[in-house]
Amino acid sequence: MSAVVEASIVYCQKCGTAMERQDRFCRRCGWDSTAPPGVDAVPAALPANVSEKKRLVALILCVLLGVFGFHRFYAGKIGTGVLWLFTFGLLTLGMLADLILIAAGEFKDSEGRKIYVW
């Protein structure tokens, strides 16, 4: 069983982050795993469903100023940012949910694209 799990994990040749074998792009640096060895294969453009916003910035904003909705303003979600501002992050429960989503790479910007790249 352990050999099966280990066989499905590969490592990014650029930054060394563990990746699933079926992942094309590294979640940390964006390296393209289908490129030939020795080629710097960071894509010139991000995939269509990935935001250009940085997850680290969103995470820091959420940790430091999440109850005021600054991470939502950063993501372009102005309406819910104002809601977070006046409700103290929906009594911090919404802020904690956002913190988990950002850390997991599932938080989306105003256009519905995941804020995924660190």
PDB file of N, CA and C in Angstrom:
ATOM      1  N   MET A   1       0.829  -1.189   0.000  1.00  0.00           N
ATOM      2  CA  MET A   1       0.000   0.000   0.000  1.00  0.00           C
ATOM      3  C   MET A   1       0.871   1.250   0.000  1.00  0.00           C
ATOM      4  N   SER A   2       1.928   1.251   0.792  1.00  0.00           N
ATOM      5  CA  SER A   2       2.824   2.402   0.878  1.00  0.00           C
ATOM      6  C   SER A   2       3.524   2.662  -0.442  1.00  0.00           C
ATOM      7  N   ALA A   3       3.878   1.609  -1.155  1.00  0.00           N
ATOM      8  CA  ALA A   3       4.556   1.766  -2.436  1.00  0.00           C
ATOM      9  C   ALA A   3       3.636   2.415  -3.457  1.00  0.00           C
ATOM     10  N   VAL A   4       2.330   2.149  -3.365  1.00  0.00           N
ATOM     11  CA  VAL A   4       1.369   2.741  -4.287  1.00  0.00           C
ATOM     12  C   VAL A   4       1.265   4.238  -4.031  1.00  0.00           C
ATOM     13  N   VAL A   5       1.219   4.629  -2.760  1.00  0.00           N
ATOM     14  CA  VAL A   5       1.131   6.047  -2.418  1.00  0.00           C
ATOM     15  C   VAL A   5       2.397   6.768  -2.850  1.00  0.00           C
ATOM     16  N   GLU A   6       3.562   6.178  -2.590  1.00  0.00           N
ATOM     17  CA  GLU A   6       4.825   6.804  -2.969  1.00  0.00           C
ATOM     18  C   GLU A   6       4.964   6.912  -4.482  1.00  0.00           C
ATOM     19  N   ALA A   7       4.407   5.970  -5.230  1.00  0.00           N
ATOM     20  CA  ALA A   7       4.511   5.991  -6.683  1.00  0.00           C
ATOM     21  C   ALA A   7       3.686   7.124  -7.285  1.00  0.00           C
ATOM     22  N   SER A   8       2.664   7.587  -6.569  1.00  0.00           N
ATOM     23  CA  SER A   8       1.836   8.661  -7.109  1.00  0.00           C
ATOM     24  C   SER A   8       2.406  10.044  -6.793  1.00  0.00           C
ATOM     25  N   ILE A   9       3.469  10.109  -6.001  1.00  0.00           N
ATOM     26  CA  ILE A   9       4.066  11.391  -5.639  1.00  0.00           C
ATOM     27  C   ILE A   9       5.346  11.602  -6.430  1.00  0.00           C
ATOM     28  N   VAL A  10       5.458  12.759  -7.049  1.00  0.00           N
ATOM     29  CA  VAL A  10       6.675  13.174  -7.732  1.00  0.00           C
ATOM     30  C   VAL A  10       7.092  14.506  -7.130  1.00  0.00           C
ATOM     31  N   TYR A  11       8.291  14.939  -7.435  1.00  0.00           N
ATOM     32  CA  TYR A  11       8.784  16.192  -6.880  1.00  0.00           C
ATOM     33  C   TYR A  11       9.096  17.176  -7.999  1.00  0.00           C
ATOM     34  N   CYS A  12       8.762  18.423  -7.751  1.00  0.00           N
ATOM     35  CA  CYS A  12       9.038  19.488  -8.706  1.00  0.00           C
ATOM     36  C   CYS A  12      10.540  19.583  -8.911  1.00  0.00           C
ATOM     37  N   GLN A  13      10.971  19.629 -10.163  1.00  0.00           N
ATOM     38  CA  GLN A  13      12.399  19.708 -10.449  1.00  0.00           C
ATOM     39  C   GLN A  13      12.955  21.099 -10.207  1.00  0.00           C
ATOM     40  N   LYS A  14      12.088  22.090 -10.074  1.00  0.00           N
ATOM     41  CA  LYS A  14      12.554  23.454  -9.861  1.00  0.00           C
ATOM     42  C   LYS A  14      12.658  23.798  -8.377  1.00  0.00           C
ATOM     43  N   CYS A  15      11.603  23.476  -7.581  1.00  0.00           N
ATOM     44  CA  CYS A  15      11.614  23.891  -6.168  1.00  0.00           C
ATOM     45  C   CYS A  15      11.589  22.721  -5.186  1.00  0.00           C
ATOM     46  N   GLY A  16      11.349  21.495  -5.665  1.00  0.00           N
ATOM     47  CA  GLY A  16      11.386  20.331  -4.798  1.00  0.00           C
ATOM     48  C   GLY A  16      10.099  20.021  -4.058  1.00  0.00           C
ATOM     49  N   THR A  17       9.021  20.729  -4.338  1.00  0.00           N
ATOM     50  CA  THR A  17       7.743  20.500  -3.674  1.00  0.00           C
ATOM     51  C   THR A  17       7.123  19.199  -4.162  1.00  0.00           C
ATOM     52  N   ALA A  18       6.509  18.448  -3.244  1.00  0.00           N
ATOM     53  CA  ALA A  18       5.834  17.209  -3.622  1.00  0.00           C
ATOM     54  C   ALA A  18       4.611  17.534  -4.466  1.00  0.00           C
ATOM     55  N   MET A  19       4.435  16.749  -5.542  1.00  0.00           N
ATOM     56  CA  MET A  19       3.310  16.931  -6.458  1.00  0.00           C
ATOM     57  C   MET A  19       2.664  15.579  -6.696  1.00  0.00           C
ATOM     58  N   GLU A  20       1.394  15.584  -7.052  1.00  0.00           N
ATOM     59  CA  GLU A  20       0.746  14.363  -7.514  1.00  0.00           C
ATOM     60  C   GLU A  20       1.224  14.092  -8.931  1.00  0.00           C
ATOM     61  N   ARG A  21       1.315  12.845  -9.311  1.00  0.00           N
ATOM     62  CA  ARG A  21       1.822  12.489 -10.631  1.00  0.00           C
ATOM     63  C   ARG A  21       0.965  13.097 -11.742  1.00  0.00           C
ATOM     64  N   GLN A  22      -0.347  13.231 -11.528  1.00  0.00           N
ATOM     65  CA  GLN A  22      -1.223  13.759 -12.577  1.00  0.00           C
ATOM     66  C   GLN A  22      -1.208  15.290 -12.646  1.00  0.00           C
ATOM     67  N   ASP A  23      -0.614  15.987 -11.681  1.00  0.00           N
ATOM     68  CA  ASP A  23      -0.520  17.445 -11.728  1.00  0.00           C
ATOM     69  C   ASP A  23       0.455  17.878 -12.806  1.00  0.00           C
ATOM     70  N   ARG A  24       0.023  18.830 -13.631  1.00  0.00           N
ATOM     71  CA  ARG A  24       0.916  19.323 -14.667  1.00  0.00           C
ATOM     72  C   ARG A  24       1.802  20.441 -14.125  1.00  0.00           C
ATOM     73  N   PHE A  25       1.215  21.356 -13.347  1.00  0.00           N
ATOM     74  CA  PHE A  25       1.955  22.501 -12.832  1.00  0.00           C
ATOM     75  C   PHE A  25       2.191  22.352 -11.336  1.00  0.00           C
ATOM     76  N   CYS A  26       3.362  22.766 -10.881  1.00  0.00           N
ATOM     77  CA  CYS A  26       3.688  22.779  -9.461  1.00  0.00           C
ATOM     78  C   CYS A  26       2.829  23.838  -8.781  1.00  0.00           C
ATOM     79  N   ARG A  27       2.271  23.505  -7.640  1.00  0.00           N
ATOM     80  CA  ARG A  27       1.413  24.445  -6.914  1.00  0.00           C
ATOM     81  C   ARG A  27       2.204  25.578  -6.289  1.00  0.00           C
ATOM     82  N   ARG A  28       3.487  25.369  -6.071  1.00  0.00           N
ATOM     83  CA  ARG A  28       4.288  26.400  -5.418  1.00  0.00           C
ATOM     84  C   ARG A  28       4.934  27.361  -6.405  1.00  0.00           C
ATOM     85  N   CYS A  29       5.572  26.830  -7.447  1.00  0.00           N
ATOM     86  CA  CYS A  29       6.341  27.707  -8.344  1.00  0.00           C
ATOM     87  C   CYS A  29       5.792  27.766  -9.761  1.00  0.00           C
ATOM     88  N   GLY A  30       4.838  26.887 -10.111  1.00  0.00           N
ATOM     89  CA  GLY A  30       4.249  26.924 -11.436  1.00  0.00           C
ATOM     90  C   GLY A  30       5.019  26.155 -12.494  1.00  0.00           C
ATOM     91  N   TRP A  31       6.025  25.378 -12.122  1.00  0.00           N
ATOM     92  CA  TRP A  31       6.836  24.620 -13.070  1.00  0.00           C
ATOM     93  C   TRP A  31       5.966  23.628 -13.839  1.00  0.00           C
ATOM     94  N   ASP A  32       6.188  23.504 -15.134  1.00  0.00           N
ATOM     95  CA  ASP A  32       5.446  22.601 -16.002  1.00  0.00           C
ATOM     96  C   ASP A  32       6.155  21.244 -16.011  1.00  0.00           C
ATOM     97  N   SER A  33       5.509  20.221 -15.469  1.00  0.00           N
ATOM     98  CA  SER A  33       6.134  18.901 -15.354  1.00  0.00           C
ATOM     99  C   SER A  33       6.221  18.160 -16.687  1.00  0.00           C
ATOM    100  N   THR A  34       5.549  18.646 -17.723  1.00  0.00           N
ATOM    101  CA  THR A  34       5.602  17.970 -19.019  1.00  0.00           C
ATOM    102  C   THR A  34       6.754  18.461 -19.882  1.00  0.00           C
ATOM    103  N   ALA A  35       7.491  19.446 -19.413  1.00  0.00           N
ATOM    104  CA  ALA A  35       8.614  19.984 -20.189  1.00  0.00           C
ATOM    105  C   ALA A  35       9.784  19.010 -20.163  1.00  0.00           C
ATOM    106  N   PRO A  36      10.600  19.005 -21.203  1.00  0.00           N
ATOM    107  CA  PRO A  36      11.775  18.141 -21.219  1.00  0.00           C
ATOM    108  C   PRO A  36      12.763  18.546 -20.119  1.00  0.00           C
ATOM    109  N   PRO A  37      13.557  17.597 -19.613  1.00  0.00           N
ATOM    110  CA  PRO A  37      14.525  17.918 -18.569  1.00  0.00           C
ATOM    111  C   PRO A  37      15.495  19.013 -19.010  1.00  0.00           C
ATOM    112  N   GLY A  38      15.840  19.877 -18.092  1.00  0.00           N
ATOM    113  CA  GLY A  38      16.792  20.949 -18.372  1.00  0.00           C
ATOM    114  C   GLY A  38      16.155  22.210 -18.926  1.00  0.00           C
ATOM    115  N   VAL A  39      14.864  22.185 -19.170  1.00  0.00           N
ATOM    116  CA  VAL A  39      14.167  23.362 -19.689  1.00  0.00           C
ATOM    117  C   VAL A  39      13.455  24.040 -18.540  1.00  0.00           C
ATOM    118  N   ASP A  40      13.628  25.343 -18.402  1.00  0.00           N
ATOM    119  CA  ASP A  40      12.923  26.095 -17.376  1.00  0.00           C
ATOM    120  C   ASP A  40      11.493  26.269 -17.849  1.00  0.00           C
ATOM    121  N   ALA A  41      10.592  25.472 -17.317  1.00  0.00           N
ATOM    122  CA  ALA A  41       9.250  25.393 -17.873  1.00  0.00           C
ATOM    123  C   ALA A  41       8.195  26.065 -17.016  1.00  0.00           C
ATOM    124  N   VAL A  42       8.487  27.229 -16.515  1.00  0.00           N
ATOM    125  CA  VAL A  42       7.457  27.994 -15.824  1.00  0.00           C
ATOM    126  C   VAL A  42       6.607  28.640 -16.902  1.00  0.00           C
ATOM    127  N   PRO A  43       5.286  28.444 -16.843  1.00  0.00           N
ATOM    128  CA  PRO A  43       4.449  28.964 -17.923  1.00  0.00           C
ATOM    129  C   PRO A  43       4.491  30.483 -17.997  1.00  0.00           C
ATOM    130  N   ALA A  44       4.437  31.015 -19.206  1.00  0.00           N
ATOM    131  CA  ALA A  44       4.420  32.465 -19.399  1.00  0.00           C
ATOM    132  C   ALA A  44       3.123  33.046 -18.879  1.00  0.00           C
ATOM    133  N   ALA A  45       2.060  32.299 -18.994  1.00  0.00           N
ATOM    134  CA  ALA A  45       0.764  32.740 -18.500  1.00  0.00           C
ATOM    135  C   ALA A  45       0.193  31.658 -17.604  1.00  0.00           C
ATOM    136  N   LEU A  46      -0.551  32.080 -16.608  1.00  0.00           N
ATOM    137  CA  LEU A  46      -1.186  31.123 -15.710  1.00  0.00           C
ATOM    138  C   LEU A  46      -2.357  30.458 -16.412  1.00  0.00           C
ATOM    139  N   PRO A  47      -2.733  29.257 -15.986  1.00  0.00           N
ATOM    140  CA  PRO A  47      -3.938  28.642 -16.533  1.00  0.00           C
ATOM    141  C   PRO A  47      -5.152  29.552 -16.306  1.00  0.00           C
ATOM    142  N   ALA A  48      -6.181  29.382 -17.095  1.00  0.00           N
ATOM    143  CA  ALA A  48      -7.335  30.285 -17.073  1.00  0.00           C
ATOM    144  C   ALA A  48      -8.063  30.294 -15.729  1.00  0.00           C
ATOM    145  N   ASN A  49      -8.010  29.212 -14.984  1.00  0.00           N
ATOM    146  CA  ASN A  49      -8.755  29.151 -13.725  1.00  0.00           C
ATOM    147  C   ASN A  49      -7.922  29.554 -12.508  1.00  0.00           C
ATOM    148  N   VAL A  50      -6.729  30.107 -12.713  1.00  0.00           N
ATOM    149  CA  VAL A  50      -5.854  30.512 -11.618  1.00  0.00           C
ATOM    150  C   VAL A  50      -5.661  32.027 -11.656  1.00  0.00           C
ATOM    151  N   SER A  51      -5.856  32.657 -10.509  1.00  0.00           N
ATOM    152  CA  SER A  51      -5.741  34.112 -10.399  1.00  0.00           C
ATOM    153  C   SER A  51      -4.283  34.548 -10.377  1.00  0.00           C
ATOM    154  N   GLU A  52      -4.034  35.790 -10.784  1.00  0.00           N
ATOM    155  CA  GLU A  52      -2.683  36.350 -10.707  1.00  0.00           C
ATOM    156  C   GLU A  52      -2.372  36.861  -9.298  1.00  0.00           C
ATOM    157  N   LYS A  53      -3.373  36.896  -8.425  1.00  0.00           N
ATOM    158  CA  LYS A  53      -3.154  37.303  -7.039  1.00  0.00           C
ATOM    159  C   LYS A  53      -2.321  36.242  -6.332  1.00  0.00           C
ATOM    160  N   LYS A  54      -1.577  36.662  -5.320  1.00  0.00           N
ATOM    161  CA  LYS A  54      -0.697  35.744  -4.601  1.00  0.00           C
ATOM    162  C   LYS A  54      -1.369  35.243  -3.320  1.00  0.00           C
ATOM    163  N   ARG A  55      -1.285  33.932  -3.094  1.00  0.00           N
ATOM    164  CA  ARG A  55      -1.910  33.322  -1.927  1.00  0.00           C
ATOM    165  C   ARG A  55      -1.242  33.766  -0.633  1.00  0.00           C
ATOM    166  N   LEU A  56       0.086  33.977  -0.646  1.00  0.00           N
ATOM    167  CA  LEU A  56       0.784  34.410   0.559  1.00  0.00           C
ATOM    168  C   LEU A  56       0.297  35.785   1.014  1.00  0.00           C
ATOM    169  N   VAL A  57       0.089  36.690   0.068  1.00  0.00           N
ATOM    170  CA  VAL A  57      -0.411  38.024   0.409  1.00  0.00           C
ATOM    171  C   VAL A  57      -1.802  37.908   1.020  1.00  0.00           C
ATOM    172  N   ALA A  58      -2.670  37.111   0.394  1.00  0.00           N
ATOM    173  CA  ALA A  58      -4.026  36.929   0.914  1.00  0.00           C
ATOM    174  C   ALA A  58      -3.995  36.300   2.303  1.00  0.00           C
ATOM    175  N   LEU A  59      -3.104  35.344   2.513  1.00  0.00           N
ATOM    176  CA  LEU A  59      -3.001  34.679   3.810  1.00  0.00           C
ATOM    177  C   LEU A  59      -2.527  35.648   4.890  1.00  0.00           C
ATOM    178  N   ILE A  60      -1.521  36.448   4.584  1.00  0.00           N
ATOM    179  CA  ILE A  60      -1.013  37.424   5.558  1.00  0.00           C
ATOM    180  C   ILE A  60      -2.090  38.460   5.880  1.00  0.00           C
ATOM    181  N   LEU A  61      -2.780  38.942   4.849  1.00  0.00           N
ATOM    182  CA  LEU A  61      -3.858  39.907   5.088  1.00  0.00           C
ATOM    183  C   LEU A  61      -4.970  39.299   5.927  1.00  0.00           C
ATOM    184  N   CYS A  62      -5.285  38.046   5.687  1.00  0.00           N
ATOM    185  CA  CYS A  62      -6.344  37.385   6.448  1.00  0.00           C
ATOM    186  C   CYS A  62      -5.943  37.194   7.908  1.00  0.00           C
ATOM    187  N   VAL A  63      -4.692  36.819   8.131  1.00  0.00           N
ATOM    188  CA  VAL A  63      -4.230  36.609   9.507  1.00  0.00           C
ATOM    189  C   VAL A  63      -4.177  37.931  10.269  1.00  0.00           C
ATOM    190  N   LEU A  64      -3.620  38.960   9.651  1.00  0.00           N
ATOM    191  CA  LEU A  64      -3.424  40.225  10.356  1.00  0.00           C
ATOM    192  C   LEU A  64      -4.668  41.110  10.388  1.00  0.00           C
ATOM    193  N   LEU A  65      -5.394  41.174   9.271  1.00  0.00           N
ATOM    194  CA  LEU A  65      -6.516  42.107   9.159  1.00  0.00           C
ATOM    195  C   LEU A  65      -7.782  41.434   8.641  1.00  0.00           C
ATOM    196  N   GLY A  66      -7.896  40.131   8.874  1.00  0.00           N
ATOM    197  CA  GLY A  66      -9.021  39.367   8.339  1.00  0.00           C
ATOM    198  C   GLY A  66     -10.367  39.780   8.882  1.00  0.00           C
ATOM    199  N   VAL A  67     -10.433  40.188  10.132  1.00  0.00           N
ATOM    200  CA  VAL A  67     -11.720  40.592  10.692  1.00  0.00           C
ATOM    201  C   VAL A  67     -12.230  41.877  10.049  1.00  0.00           C
ATOM    202  N   PHE A  68     -11.364  42.607   9.375  1.00  0.00           N
ATOM    203  CA  PHE A  68     -11.770  43.816   8.673  1.00  0.00           C
ATOM    204  C   PHE A  68     -11.952  43.573   7.174  1.00  0.00           C
ATOM    205  N   GLY A  69     -11.725  42.345   6.718  1.00  0.00           N
ATOM    206  CA  GLY A  69     -11.979  41.974   5.335  1.00  0.00           C
ATOM    207  C   GLY A  69     -10.938  42.407   4.330  1.00  0.00           C
ATOM    208  N   PHE A  70      -9.738  42.752   4.775  1.00  0.00           N
ATOM    209  CA  PHE A  70      -8.712  43.234   3.837  1.00  0.00           C
ATOM    210  C   PHE A  70      -8.352  42.184   2.791  1.00  0.00           C
ATOM    211  N   HIS A  71      -8.346  40.910   3.157  1.00  0.00           N
ATOM    212  CA  HIS A  71      -8.052  39.854   2.191  1.00  0.00           C
ATOM    213  C   HIS A  71      -9.122  39.787   1.112  1.00  0.00           C
ATOM    214  N   ARG A  72     -10.349  40.125   1.439  1.00  0.00           N
ATOM    215  CA  ARG A  72     -11.435  40.125   0.458  1.00  0.00           C
ATOM    216  C   ARG A  72     -11.308  41.329  -0.478  1.00  0.00           C
ATOM    217  N   PHE A  73     -10.908  42.469   0.058  1.00  0.00           N
ATOM    218  CA  PHE A  73     -10.652  43.622  -0.798  1.00  0.00           C
ATOM    219  C   PHE A  73      -9.507  43.300  -1.766  1.00  0.00           C
ATOM    220  N   TYR A  74      -8.473  42.621  -1.280  1.00  0.00           N
ATOM    221  CA  TYR A  74      -7.347  42.228  -2.124  1.00  0.00           C
ATOM    222  C   TYR A  74      -7.808  41.313  -3.255  1.00  0.00           C
ATOM    223  N   ALA A  75      -8.737  40.421  -2.964  1.00  0.00           N
ATOM    224  CA  ALA A  75      -9.239  39.474  -3.964  1.00  0.00           C
ATOM    225  C   ALA A  75     -10.244  40.114  -4.908  1.00  0.00           C
ATOM    226  N   GLY A  76     -10.614  41.376  -4.660  1.00  0.00           N
ATOM    227  CA  GLY A  76     -11.572  42.062  -5.518  1.00  0.00           C
ATOM    228  C   GLY A  76     -13.013  41.868  -5.106  1.00  0.00           C
ATOM    229  N   LYS A  77     -13.235  41.240  -3.970  1.00  0.00           N
ATOM    230  CA  LYS A  77     -14.589  41.000  -3.472  1.00  0.00           C
ATOM    231  C   LYS A  77     -14.990  42.167  -2.570  1.00  0.00           C
ATOM    232  N   ILE A  78     -15.324  43.281  -3.199  1.00  0.00           N
ATOM    233  CA  ILE A  78     -15.576  44.519  -2.464  1.00  0.00           C
ATOM    234  C   ILE A  78     -16.822  44.412  -1.583  1.00  0.00           C
ATOM    235  N   GLY A  79     -17.886  43.847  -2.116  1.00  0.00           N
ATOM    236  CA  GLY A  79     -19.140  43.737  -1.365  1.00  0.00           C
ATOM    237  C   GLY A  79     -18.986  42.949  -0.076  1.00  0.00           C
ATOM    238  N   THR A  80     -18.393  41.770  -0.167  1.00  0.00           N
ATOM    239  CA  THR A  80     -18.206  40.974   1.042  1.00  0.00           C
ATOM    240  C   THR A  80     -17.088  41.547   1.906  1.00  0.00           C
ATOM    241  N   GLY A  81     -16.170  42.291   1.305  1.00  0.00           N
ATOM    242  CA  GLY A  81     -15.152  42.983   2.108  1.00  0.00           C
ATOM    243  C   GLY A  81     -15.792  44.018   3.020  1.00  0.00           C
ATOM    244  N   VAL A  82     -16.748  44.755   2.479  1.00  0.00           N
ATOM    245  CA  VAL A  82     -17.476  45.736   3.295  1.00  0.00           C
ATOM    246  C   VAL A  82     -18.291  45.020   4.370  1.00  0.00           C
ATOM    247  N   LEU A  83     -18.912  43.899   4.005  1.00  0.00           N
ATOM    248  CA  LEU A  83     -19.673  43.113   4.990  1.00  0.00           C
ATOM    249  C   LEU A  83     -18.759  42.642   6.117  1.00  0.00           C
ATOM    250  N   TRP A  84     -17.578  42.133   5.778  1.00  0.00           N
ATOM    251  CA  TRP A  84     -16.612  41.691   6.790  1.00  0.00           C
ATOM    252  C   TRP A  84     -16.177  42.883   7.655  1.00  0.00           C
ATOM    253  N   LEU A  85     -16.018  44.041   7.034  1.00  0.00           N
ATOM    254  CA  LEU A  85     -15.578  45.235   7.749  1.00  0.00           C
ATOM    255  C   LEU A  85     -16.569  45.634   8.835  1.00  0.00           C
ATOM    256  N   PHE A  86     -17.854  45.584   8.521  1.00  0.00           N
ATOM    257  CA  PHE A  86     -18.864  46.031   9.481  1.00  0.00           C
ATOM    258  C   PHE A  86     -19.349  44.942  10.438  1.00  0.00           C
ATOM    259  N   THR A  87     -19.011  43.686  10.171  1.00  0.00           N
ATOM    260  CA  THR A  87     -19.448  42.599  11.052  1.00  0.00           C
ATOM    261  C   THR A  87     -18.269  41.894  11.713  1.00  0.00           C
ATOM    262  N   PHE A  88     -17.096  42.525  11.630  1.00  0.00           N
ATOM    263  CA  PHE A  88     -15.873  41.936  12.192  1.00  0.00           C
ATOM    264  C   PHE A  88     -15.655  40.510  11.694  1.00  0.00           C
ATOM    265  N   GLY A  89     -15.646  40.392  10.376  1.00  0.00           N
ATOM    266  CA  GLY A  89     -15.391  39.082   9.759  1.00  0.00           C
ATOM    267  C   GLY A  89     -16.488  38.095  10.035  1.00  0.00           C
ATOM    268  N   LEU A  90     -17.734  38.592  10.024  1.00  0.00           N
ATOM    269  CA  LEU A  90     -18.900  37.782  10.416  1.00  0.00           C
ATOM    270  C   LEU A  90     -18.621  37.115  11.762  1.00  0.00           C
ATOM    271  N   LEU A  91     -18.284  37.971  12.711  1.00  0.00           N
ATOM    272  CA  LEU A  91     -17.965  37.556  14.082  1.00  0.00           C
ATOM    273  C   LEU A  91     -16.810  36.565  14.117  1.00  0.00           C
ATOM    274  N   THR A  92     -15.859  36.775  13.292  1.00  0.00           N
ATOM    275  CA  THR A  92     -14.614  36.013  13.103  1.00  0.00           C
ATOM    276  C   THR A  92     -14.818  34.609  12.524  1.00  0.00           C
ATOM    277  N   LEU A  93     -16.039  34.121  12.464  1.00  0.00           N
ATOM    278  CA  LEU A  93     -16.267  32.784  11.902  1.00  0.00           C
ATOM    279  C   LEU A  93     -16.011  32.776  10.391  1.00  0.00           C
ATOM    280  N   GLY A  94     -16.464  33.805   9.708  1.00  0.00           N
ATOM    281  CA  GLY A  94     -16.211  33.913   8.273  1.00  0.00           C
ATOM    282  C   GLY A  94     -14.737  34.090   7.974  1.00  0.00           C
ATOM    283  N   MET A  95     -14.075  34.855   8.827  1.00  0.00           N
ATOM    284  CA  MET A  95     -12.630  35.064   8.656  1.00  0.00           C
ATOM    285  C   MET A  95     -11.871  33.753   8.837  1.00  0.00           C
ATOM    286  N   LEU A  96     -12.263  32.955   9.814  1.00  0.00           N
ATOM    287  CA  LEU A  96     -11.601  31.663  10.022  1.00  0.00           C
ATOM    288  C   LEU A  96     -11.852  30.715   8.846  1.00  0.00           C
ATOM    289  N   ALA A  97     -13.072  30.743   8.303  1.00  0.00           N
ATOM    290  CA  ALA A  97     -13.366  29.913   7.132  1.00  0.00           C
ATOM    291  C   ALA A  97     -12.517  30.362   5.947  1.00  0.00           C
ATOM    292  N   ASP A  98     -12.391  31.671   5.752  1.00  0.00           N
ATOM    293  CA  ASP A  98     -11.553  32.188   4.669  1.00  0.00           C
ATOM    294  C   ASP A  98     -10.092  31.800   4.868  1.00  0.00           C
ATOM    295  N   LEU A  99      -9.623  31.846   6.096  1.00  0.00           N
ATOM    296  CA  LEU A  99      -8.240  31.481   6.411  1.00  0.00           C
ATOM    297  C   LEU A  99      -7.966  30.037   5.988  1.00  0.00           C
ATOM    298  N   ILE A 100      -8.888  29.153   6.279  1.00  0.00           N
ATOM    299  CA  ILE A 100      -8.737  27.747   5.893  1.00  0.00           C
ATOM    300  C   ILE A 100      -8.758  27.605   4.375  1.00  0.00           C
ATOM    301  N   LEU A 101      -9.684  28.310   3.718  1.00  0.00           N
ATOM    302  CA  LEU A 101      -9.770  28.239   2.257  1.00  0.00           C
ATOM    303  C   LEU A 101      -8.508  28.778   1.586  1.00  0.00           C
ATOM    304  N   ILE A 102      -7.972  29.860   2.104  1.00  0.00           N
ATOM    305  CA  ILE A 102      -6.754  30.431   1.528  1.00  0.00           C
ATOM    306  C   ILE A 102      -5.591  29.463   1.704  1.00  0.00           C
ATOM    307  N   ALA A 103      -5.439  28.921   2.899  1.00  0.00           N
ATOM    308  CA  ALA A 103      -4.334  27.998   3.170  1.00  0.00           C
ATOM    309  C   ALA A 103      -4.434  26.740   2.300  1.00  0.00           C
ATOM    310  N   ALA A 104      -5.649  26.315   2.016  1.00  0.00           N
ATOM    311  CA  ALA A 104      -5.852  25.110   1.206  1.00  0.00           C
ATOM    312  C   ALA A 104      -5.776  25.390  -0.296  1.00  0.00           C
ATOM    313  N   GLY A 105      -5.725  26.667  -0.679  1.00  0.00           N
ATOM    314  CA  GLY A 105      -5.659  27.016  -2.090  1.00  0.00           C
ATOM    315  C   GLY A 105      -7.005  26.994  -2.786  1.00  0.00           C
ATOM    316  N   GLU A 106      -8.087  27.097  -2.023  1.00  0.00           N
ATOM    317  CA  GLU A 106      -9.432  27.039  -2.592  1.00  0.00           C
ATOM    318  C   GLU A 106     -10.137  28.391  -2.599  1.00  0.00           C
ATOM    319  N   PHE A 107      -9.511  29.439  -2.068  1.00  0.00           N
ATOM    320  CA  PHE A 107     -10.123  30.765  -2.026  1.00  0.00           C
ATOM    321  C   PHE A 107     -10.109  31.351  -3.434  1.00  0.00           C
ATOM    322  N   LYS A 108     -11.200  31.992  -3.833  1.00  0.00           N
ATOM    323  CA  LYS A 108     -11.322  32.503  -5.200  1.00  0.00           C
ATOM    324  C   LYS A 108     -11.405  34.023  -5.209  1.00  0.00           C
ATOM    325  N   ASP A 109     -10.959  34.608  -6.325  1.00  0.00           N
ATOM    326  CA  ASP A 109     -11.055  36.059  -6.482  1.00  0.00           C
ATOM    327  C   ASP A 109     -12.439  36.433  -7.005  1.00  0.00           C
ATOM    328  N   SER A 110     -12.629  37.707  -7.323  1.00  0.00           N
ATOM    329  CA  SER A 110     -13.936  38.191  -7.748  1.00  0.00           C
ATOM    330  C   SER A 110     -14.382  37.616  -9.092  1.00  0.00           C
ATOM    331  N   GLU A 111     -13.457  37.086  -9.863  1.00  0.00           N
ATOM    332  CA  GLU A 111     -13.788  36.500 -11.163  1.00  0.00           C
ATOM    333  C   GLU A 111     -13.945  34.985 -11.088  1.00  0.00           C
ATOM    334  N   GLY A 112     -13.912  34.426  -9.883  1.00  0.00           N
ATOM    335  CA  GLY A 112     -14.094  32.998  -9.696  1.00  0.00           C
ATOM    336  C   GLY A 112     -12.858  32.156  -9.935  1.00  0.00           C
ATOM    337  N   ARG A 113     -11.696  32.794 -10.057  1.00  0.00           N
ATOM    338  CA  ARG A 113     -10.443  32.053 -10.264  1.00  0.00           C
ATOM    339  C   ARG A 113      -9.772  31.826  -8.908  1.00  0.00           C
ATOM    340  N   LYS A 114      -9.201  30.650  -8.740  1.00  0.00           N
ATOM    341  CA  LYS A 114      -8.557  30.320  -7.464  1.00  0.00           C
ATOM    342  C   LYS A 114      -7.292  31.143  -7.263  1.00  0.00           C
ATOM    343  N   ILE A 115      -7.144  31.651  -6.038  1.00  0.00           N
ATOM    344  CA  ILE A 115      -5.888  32.310  -5.647  1.00  0.00           C
ATOM    345  C   ILE A 115      -4.999  31.169  -5.160  1.00  0.00           C
ATOM    346  N   TYR A 116      -4.102  30.736  -6.030  1.00  0.00           N
ATOM    347  CA  TYR A 116      -3.438  29.446  -5.888  1.00  0.00           C
ATOM    348  C   TYR A 116      -1.929  29.542  -5.774  1.00  0.00           C
ATOM    349  N   VAL A 117      -1.318  30.476  -6.481  1.00  0.00           N
ATOM    350  CA  VAL A 117       0.142  30.565  -6.544  1.00  0.00           C
ATOM    351  C   VAL A 117       0.663  31.300  -5.322  1.00  0.00           C
ATOM    352  N   TRP A 118       1.669  30.725  -4.683  1.00  0.00           N
ATOM    353  CA  TRP A 118       2.245  31.356  -3.488  1.00  0.00           C
ATOM    354  C   TRP A 118       3.001  32.588  -3.876  1.00  0.00           C
TER     355      TRP A 118
END
